[in-house]
C-alpha atoms as a PDB file:
ATOM      1  CA  MET A   1     176.186 242.348  31.981  1.00  0.00           C
ATOM      2  CA  ASP A   2     172.402 241.709  32.129  1.00  0.00           C
ATOM      3  CA  PHE A   3     171.344 238.120  32.455  1.00  0.00           C
ATOM      4  CA  THR A   4     168.066 236.855  31.157  1.00  0.00           C
ATOM      5  CA  GLU A   5     165.797 234.242  32.554  1.00  0.00           C
ATOM      6  CA  ILE A   6     165.741 231.081  30.638  1.00  0.00           C
ATOM      7  CA  ASP A   7     162.970 228.689  30.926  1.00  0.00           C
ATOM      8  CA  ARG A   8     163.312 225.272  32.232  1.00  0.00           C
ATOM      9  CA  GLU A   9     162.537 223.376  28.965  1.00  0.00           C
ATOM     10  CA  ASP A  10     165.011 225.667  26.942  1.00  0.00           C
ATOM     11  CA  PHE A  11     167.585 224.940  29.500  1.00  0.00           C
ATOM     12  CA  ARG A  12     166.955 221.345  29.221  1.00  0.00           C
ATOM     13  CA  ASN A  13     167.230 221.189  25.577  1.00  0.00           C
ATOM     14  CA  LEU A  14     170.549 222.959  25.519  1.00  0.00           C
ATOM     15  CA  LEU A  15     172.292 220.566  28.153  1.00  0.00           C
ATOM     16  CA  VAL A  16     170.844 217.753  25.764  1.00  0.00           C
ATOM     17  CA  GLU A  17     172.455 219.433  22.945  1.00  0.00           C
ATOM     18  CA  ILE A  18     175.690 219.762  24.561  1.00  0.00           C
ATOM     19  CA  ALA A  19     175.732 216.199  25.785  1.00  0.00           C
ATOM     20  CA  GLU A  20     175.092 214.870  22.413  1.00  0.00           C
ATOM     21  CA  ALA A  21     177.698 217.049  20.537  1.00  0.00           C
ATOM     22  CA  HIS A  22     180.853 215.511  19.117  1.00  0.00           C
ATOM     23  CA  MET A  23     184.081 216.744  17.782  1.00  0.00           C
ATOM     24  CA  PRO A  24     184.762 215.115  14.542  1.00  0.00           C
ATOM     25  CA  PHE A  25     187.750 212.827  14.555  1.00  0.00           C
ATOM     26  CA  GLY A  26     189.489 214.343  17.528  1.00  0.00           C
ATOM     27  CA  LYS A  27     192.903 215.274  17.470  1.00  0.00           C
ATOM     28  CA  TYR A  28     194.653 212.329  15.747  1.00  0.00           C
ATOM     29  CA  GLY A  29     192.337 211.622  12.690  1.00  0.00           C
ATOM     30  CA  PRO A  30     189.623 209.371  11.667  1.00  0.00           C
ATOM     31  CA  LYS A  31     191.471 206.103  11.985  1.00  0.00           C
ATOM     32  CA  ASN A  32     191.899 206.704  15.826  1.00  0.00           C
ATOM     33  CA  TYR A  33     187.970 207.481  16.587  1.00  0.00           C
ATOM     34  CA  PRO A  34     184.489 206.391  15.554  1.00  0.00           C
ATOM     35  CA  PRO A  35     183.156 208.149  12.521  1.00  0.00           C
ATOM     36  CA  ARG A  36     180.924 210.477  14.586  1.00  0.00           C
ATOM     37  CA  GLY A  37     183.949 211.654  16.536  1.00  0.00           C
ATOM     38  CA  VAL A  38     184.806 212.121  20.163  1.00  0.00           C
ATOM     39  CA  SER A  39     182.043 213.376  22.481  1.00  0.00           C
ATOM     40  CA  LEU A  40     182.834 216.993  23.958  1.00  0.00           C
ATOM     41  CA  ILE A  41     182.835 215.534  27.625  1.00  0.00           C
ATOM     42  CA  ASP A  42     185.664 213.056  26.737  1.00  0.00           C
ATOM     43  CA  LEU A  43     187.926 215.650  25.335  1.00  0.00           C
ATOM     44  CA  PRO A  44     191.214 216.530  26.949  1.00  0.00           C
ATOM     45  CA  PRO A  45     191.362 219.660  28.836  1.00  0.00           C
ATOM     46  CA  GLU A  46     193.407 221.482  26.107  1.00  0.00           C
ATOM     47  CA  TYR A  47     190.587 221.492  23.820  1.00  0.00           C
END
């Protein structure tokens, strides 16, 4: 597998995008979570 270089700004933007990503409504429906859903960092390991 060949890995290509990623420039610093692209990598920073990728990390920002991941940090801001949410899973809509989580596992148990909208009544238990905010409208935006759960941030990826707060999801349980089984996800």
